[in-house]
Amino acid sequence: METMNLEFRGIPLTALESYFIELNDEQLTDDFPIFFDGGDWKGEIRFEEEVQIASAFRVNAVHISFHAVDKSQLDEIIKKYRKKTTRVGMAPAQTFLI
């Protein structure tokens, strides 16, 4: 099984949860870690924290793990998920590979 851990900043947790549902994932739990089952792939919202960007600027950071049978499937689901996190006309949300 292939796994990738990402960190999304500046996107509400509720939005990140709904993106899994929109990708036909079934939400299995309501508390951290929040598990999703997409059949051939799985998602996991591990935790949320507040990070300080500058001395007076704080944003949320949500840590998510993606799991798939192989790398091509993992790359495809992450591509679809990242498309949902794209913010047009706003300051872009940041994604970090962790």
N, C-alpha and C. Protein backbone atom coordinates (compact mmCIF):
# COMPACT_ATOMS: atom_id res chain seq x y z
N MET A 1 0.85 -1.18 0.00
CA MET A 1 0.00 0.00 0.00
C MET A 1 0.90 1.24 0.00
N GLU A 2 0.55 2.21 -0.83
CA GLU A 2 1.27 3.48 -0.93
C GLU A 2 0.58 4.51 -0.04
N THR A 3 1.38 5.37 0.59
CA THR A 3 0.85 6.40 1.49
C THR A 3 1.54 7.73 1.21
N MET A 4 0.77 8.82 1.29
CA MET A 4 1.33 10.16 1.22
C MET A 4 0.66 11.01 2.29
N ASN A 5 1.47 11.76 3.03
CA ASN A 5 0.99 12.66 4.06
C ASN A 5 1.11 14.09 3.57
N LEU A 6 0.02 14.84 3.66
CA LEU A 6 0.00 16.24 3.24
C LEU A 6 -0.53 17.11 4.36
N GLU A 7 -0.17 18.37 4.31
CA GLU A 7 -0.67 19.37 5.25
C GLU A 7 -1.33 20.48 4.42
N PHE A 8 -2.60 20.77 4.73
CA PHE A 8 -3.34 21.83 4.05
C PHE A 8 -3.52 22.98 5.02
N ARG A 9 -3.18 24.18 4.58
CA ARG A 9 -3.31 25.37 5.44
C ARG A 9 -4.34 26.33 4.87
N GLY A 10 -5.10 26.93 5.77
CA GLY A 10 -6.04 27.97 5.39
C GLY A 10 -7.35 27.49 4.82
N ILE A 11 -7.65 26.20 4.93
CA ILE A 11 -8.92 25.64 4.45
C ILE A 11 -9.65 25.08 5.66
N PRO A 12 -10.91 25.46 5.86
CA PRO A 12 -11.65 24.95 7.02
C PRO A 12 -11.73 23.42 7.03
N LEU A 13 -11.66 22.86 8.20
CA LEU A 13 -11.74 21.41 8.37
C LEU A 13 -13.01 20.85 7.74
N THR A 14 -14.12 21.53 7.91
CA THR A 14 -15.39 21.05 7.36
C THR A 14 -15.33 20.95 5.83
N ALA A 15 -14.63 21.89 5.19
CA ALA A 15 -14.49 21.84 3.73
C ALA A 15 -13.65 20.63 3.33
N LEU A 16 -12.55 20.39 4.04
CA LEU A 16 -11.69 19.26 3.72
C LEU A 16 -12.42 17.93 3.91
N GLU A 17 -13.28 17.86 4.92
CA GLU A 17 -14.10 16.66 5.11
C GLU A 17 -15.06 16.48 3.93
N SER A 18 -15.71 17.56 3.51
CA SER A 18 -16.69 17.45 2.42
C SER A 18 -16.03 17.05 1.10
N TYR A 19 -14.77 17.42 0.89
CA TYR A 19 -14.08 17.04 -0.34
C TYR A 19 -13.94 15.52 -0.43
N PHE A 20 -13.69 14.86 0.70
CA PHE A 20 -13.64 13.40 0.69
C PHE A 20 -15.00 12.82 0.28
N ILE A 21 -16.07 13.36 0.84
CA ILE A 21 -17.42 12.88 0.53
C ILE A 21 -17.72 13.09 -0.96
N GLU A 22 -17.32 14.25 -1.51
CA GLU A 22 -17.56 14.54 -2.92
C GLU A 22 -16.79 13.59 -3.84
N LEU A 23 -15.72 12.99 -3.34
CA LEU A 23 -14.95 12.01 -4.11
C LEU A 23 -15.43 10.58 -3.85
N ASN A 24 -16.66 10.46 -3.36
CA ASN A 24 -17.32 9.18 -3.10
C ASN A 24 -16.67 8.38 -1.99
N ASP A 25 -16.11 9.07 -1.03
CA ASP A 25 -15.57 8.42 0.15
C ASP A 25 -16.66 8.35 1.21
N GLU A 26 -16.68 7.29 1.97
CA GLU A 26 -17.60 7.15 3.09
C GLU A 26 -16.87 7.54 4.37
N GLN A 27 -17.44 8.48 5.13
CA GLN A 27 -16.84 8.88 6.39
C GLN A 27 -17.15 7.83 7.44
N LEU A 28 -16.10 7.29 8.07
CA LEU A 28 -16.26 6.20 9.03
C LEU A 28 -16.25 6.66 10.48
N THR A 29 -15.60 7.79 10.77
CA THR A 29 -15.52 8.29 12.14
C THR A 29 -15.76 9.80 12.15
N ASP A 30 -16.12 10.32 13.31
CA ASP A 30 -16.36 11.76 13.44
C ASP A 30 -15.28 12.48 14.22
N ASP A 31 -14.48 11.75 14.98
CA ASP A 31 -13.43 12.35 15.80
C ASP A 31 -12.06 12.04 15.21
N PHE A 32 -11.07 12.83 15.59
CA PHE A 32 -9.70 12.60 15.10
C PHE A 32 -9.16 11.28 15.61
N PRO A 33 -8.49 10.53 14.77
CA PRO A 33 -8.37 10.73 13.33
C PRO A 33 -9.69 10.38 12.64
N ILE A 34 -10.04 11.18 11.64
CA ILE A 34 -11.29 10.99 10.90
C ILE A 34 -10.97 10.12 9.68
N PHE A 35 -11.56 8.93 9.63
CA PHE A 35 -11.27 7.97 8.56
C PHE A 35 -12.33 8.02 7.48
N PHE A 36 -11.85 7.87 6.22
CA PHE A 36 -12.71 7.81 5.05
C PHE A 36 -12.33 6.57 4.25
N ASP A 37 -13.34 5.94 3.65
CA ASP A 37 -13.10 4.74 2.84
C ASP A 37 -13.64 4.96 1.45
N GLY A 38 -12.75 4.95 0.47
CA GLY A 38 -13.14 5.12 -0.92
C GLY A 38 -13.11 3.83 -1.70
N GLY A 39 -13.11 2.71 -1.00
CA GLY A 39 -13.05 1.41 -1.68
C GLY A 39 -11.60 1.04 -1.96
N ASP A 40 -11.09 1.49 -3.11
CA ASP A 40 -9.72 1.18 -3.50
C ASP A 40 -8.69 2.07 -2.81
N TRP A 41 -9.16 3.12 -2.16
CA TRP A 41 -8.24 4.04 -1.48
C TRP A 41 -8.87 4.52 -0.19
N LYS A 42 -8.05 5.03 0.68
CA LYS A 42 -8.51 5.50 1.99
C LYS A 42 -7.95 6.88 2.27
N GLY A 43 -8.65 7.64 3.09
CA GLY A 43 -8.18 8.94 3.53
C GLY A 43 -8.29 9.04 5.04
N GLU A 44 -7.45 9.87 5.60
CA GLU A 44 -7.43 10.02 7.05
C GLU A 44 -7.06 11.45 7.40
N ILE A 45 -7.99 12.19 8.03
CA ILE A 45 -7.67 13.51 8.56
C ILE A 45 -7.12 13.26 9.95
N ARG A 46 -5.81 13.40 10.08
CA ARG A 46 -5.13 13.00 11.32
C ARG A 46 -5.34 14.00 12.45
N PHE A 47 -5.11 15.28 12.19
CA PHE A 47 -5.33 16.29 13.21
C PHE A 47 -5.30 17.67 12.59
N GLU A 48 -5.78 18.64 13.37
CA GLU A 48 -5.77 20.05 12.97
C GLU A 48 -5.03 20.83 14.05
N GLU A 49 -4.26 21.80 13.62
CA GLU A 49 -3.56 22.67 14.56
C GLU A 49 -3.56 24.10 14.01
N GLU A 50 -3.22 25.02 14.85
CA GLU A 50 -3.08 26.41 14.44
C GLU A 50 -1.58 26.70 14.33
N VAL A 51 -1.17 27.29 13.20
CA VAL A 51 0.24 27.61 13.01
C VAL A 51 0.40 29.11 12.83
N GLN A 52 1.50 29.60 13.30
CA GLN A 52 1.79 31.03 13.19
C GLN A 52 2.68 31.24 11.97
N ILE A 53 2.21 32.08 11.04
CA ILE A 53 2.94 32.36 9.81
C ILE A 53 3.88 33.55 10.02
N ALA A 54 3.38 34.57 10.61
CA ALA A 54 4.17 35.76 10.94
C ALA A 54 3.83 36.12 12.39
N SER A 55 4.40 37.18 12.88
CA SER A 55 4.20 37.49 14.29
C SER A 55 2.74 37.67 14.68
N ALA A 56 1.89 38.09 13.74
CA ALA A 56 0.49 38.34 14.08
C ALA A 56 -0.49 37.56 13.20
N PHE A 57 -0.01 36.60 12.44
CA PHE A 57 -0.87 35.90 11.48
C PHE A 57 -0.88 34.41 11.78
N ARG A 58 -2.08 33.88 12.07
CA ARG A 58 -2.24 32.45 12.37
C ARG A 58 -3.27 31.85 11.42
N VAL A 59 -3.02 30.62 11.00
CA VAL A 59 -3.96 29.88 10.16
C VAL A 59 -4.06 28.45 10.67
N ASN A 60 -5.11 27.78 10.24
CA ASN A 60 -5.23 26.37 10.59
C ASN A 60 -4.36 25.53 9.64
N ALA A 61 -3.89 24.42 10.14
CA ALA A 61 -3.15 23.44 9.34
C ALA A 61 -3.78 22.08 9.63
N VAL A 62 -4.22 21.41 8.56
CA VAL A 62 -4.87 20.12 8.71
C VAL A 62 -3.96 19.06 8.08
N HIS A 63 -3.66 18.03 8.84
CA HIS A 63 -2.76 16.96 8.40
C HIS A 63 -3.59 15.78 7.91
N ILE A 64 -3.35 15.40 6.65
CA ILE A 64 -4.14 14.37 5.99
C ILE A 64 -3.22 13.30 5.41
N SER A 65 -3.63 12.04 5.56
CA SER A 65 -2.93 10.92 4.93
C SER A 65 -3.83 10.30 3.87
N PHE A 66 -3.22 9.97 2.74
CA PHE A 66 -3.90 9.27 1.66
C PHE A 66 -3.24 7.91 1.50
N HIS A 67 -4.04 6.86 1.30
CA HIS A 67 -3.53 5.51 1.14
C HIS A 67 -4.19 4.89 -0.09
N ALA A 68 -3.38 4.25 -0.94
CA ALA A 68 -3.90 3.58 -2.12
C ALA A 68 -3.07 2.33 -2.41
N VAL A 69 -3.63 1.46 -3.24
CA VAL A 69 -2.98 0.20 -3.54
C VAL A 69 -1.64 0.41 -4.26
N ASP A 70 -1.59 1.38 -5.17
CA ASP A 70 -0.34 1.62 -5.90
C ASP A 70 -0.13 3.12 -6.11
N LYS A 71 1.06 3.48 -6.58
CA LYS A 71 1.43 4.88 -6.72
C LYS A 71 0.56 5.61 -7.74
N SER A 72 0.22 4.98 -8.84
CA SER A 72 -0.59 5.66 -9.86
C SER A 72 -1.98 6.00 -9.32
N GLN A 73 -2.57 5.09 -8.55
CA GLN A 73 -3.88 5.36 -7.95
C GLN A 73 -3.76 6.45 -6.89
N LEU A 74 -2.69 6.42 -6.11
CA LEU A 74 -2.46 7.44 -5.09
C LEU A 74 -2.30 8.81 -5.75
N ASP A 75 -1.51 8.88 -6.80
CA ASP A 75 -1.31 10.15 -7.51
C ASP A 75 -2.62 10.68 -8.07
N GLU A 76 -3.46 9.80 -8.59
CA GLU A 76 -4.74 10.21 -9.19
C GLU A 76 -5.69 10.78 -8.13
N ILE A 77 -5.80 10.13 -6.98
CA ILE A 77 -6.73 10.63 -5.97
C ILE A 77 -6.22 11.93 -5.36
N ILE A 78 -4.93 12.05 -5.19
CA ILE A 78 -4.37 13.30 -4.66
C ILE A 78 -4.58 14.44 -5.66
N LYS A 79 -4.44 14.14 -6.94
CA LYS A 79 -4.70 15.15 -7.98
C LYS A 79 -6.15 15.64 -7.89
N LYS A 80 -7.09 14.72 -7.76
CA LYS A 80 -8.51 15.09 -7.65
C LYS A 80 -8.77 15.89 -6.37
N TYR A 81 -8.17 15.47 -5.27
CA TYR A 81 -8.38 16.16 -4.00
C TYR A 81 -7.79 17.56 -4.04
N ARG A 82 -6.60 17.69 -4.58
CA ARG A 82 -5.96 19.01 -4.68
C ARG A 82 -6.76 19.96 -5.57
N LYS A 83 -7.40 19.42 -6.59
CA LYS A 83 -8.23 20.26 -7.46
C LYS A 83 -9.37 20.88 -6.64
N LYS A 84 -9.90 20.13 -5.71
CA LYS A 84 -10.97 20.65 -4.85
C LYS A 84 -10.46 21.71 -3.89
N THR A 85 -9.19 21.66 -3.53
CA THR A 85 -8.64 22.64 -2.59
C THR A 85 -8.14 23.91 -3.27
N THR A 86 -8.20 23.96 -4.59
CA THR A 86 -7.75 25.14 -5.33
C THR A 86 -8.72 26.29 -5.07
N ARG A 87 -8.15 27.42 -4.75
CA ARG A 87 -8.94 28.62 -4.48
C ARG A 87 -8.66 29.64 -5.58
N VAL A 88 -9.65 29.92 -6.40
CA VAL A 88 -9.49 30.87 -7.50
C VAL A 88 -9.98 32.23 -7.02
N GLY A 89 -9.16 33.27 -7.24
CA GLY A 89 -9.54 34.62 -6.86
C GLY A 89 -9.26 34.95 -5.42
N MET A 90 -8.66 34.03 -4.70
CA MET A 90 -8.31 34.24 -3.30
C MET A 90 -6.84 33.91 -3.14
N ALA A 91 -6.30 34.31 -2.03
CA ALA A 91 -4.92 33.88 -1.73
C ALA A 91 -4.94 32.35 -1.68
N PRO A 92 -3.99 31.72 -2.35
CA PRO A 92 -4.03 30.26 -2.42
C PRO A 92 -3.80 29.60 -1.07
N ALA A 93 -4.52 28.53 -0.84
CA ALA A 93 -4.24 27.72 0.34
C ALA A 93 -2.92 27.03 0.11
N GLN A 94 -2.22 26.76 1.16
CA GLN A 94 -0.92 26.12 1.02
C GLN A 94 -1.02 24.64 1.33
N THR A 95 -0.30 23.86 0.54
CA THR A 95 -0.23 22.42 0.75
C THR A 95 1.24 22.05 0.93
N PHE A 96 1.52 21.27 1.93
CA PHE A 96 2.89 20.86 2.20
C PHE A 96 2.96 19.36 2.26
N LEU A 97 3.98 18.79 1.63
CA LEU A 97 4.26 17.38 1.74
C LEU A 97 5.00 17.17 3.05
N ILE A 98 4.48 16.31 3.92
CA ILE A 98 5.13 16.12 5.21
C ILE A 98 5.55 14.68 5.39
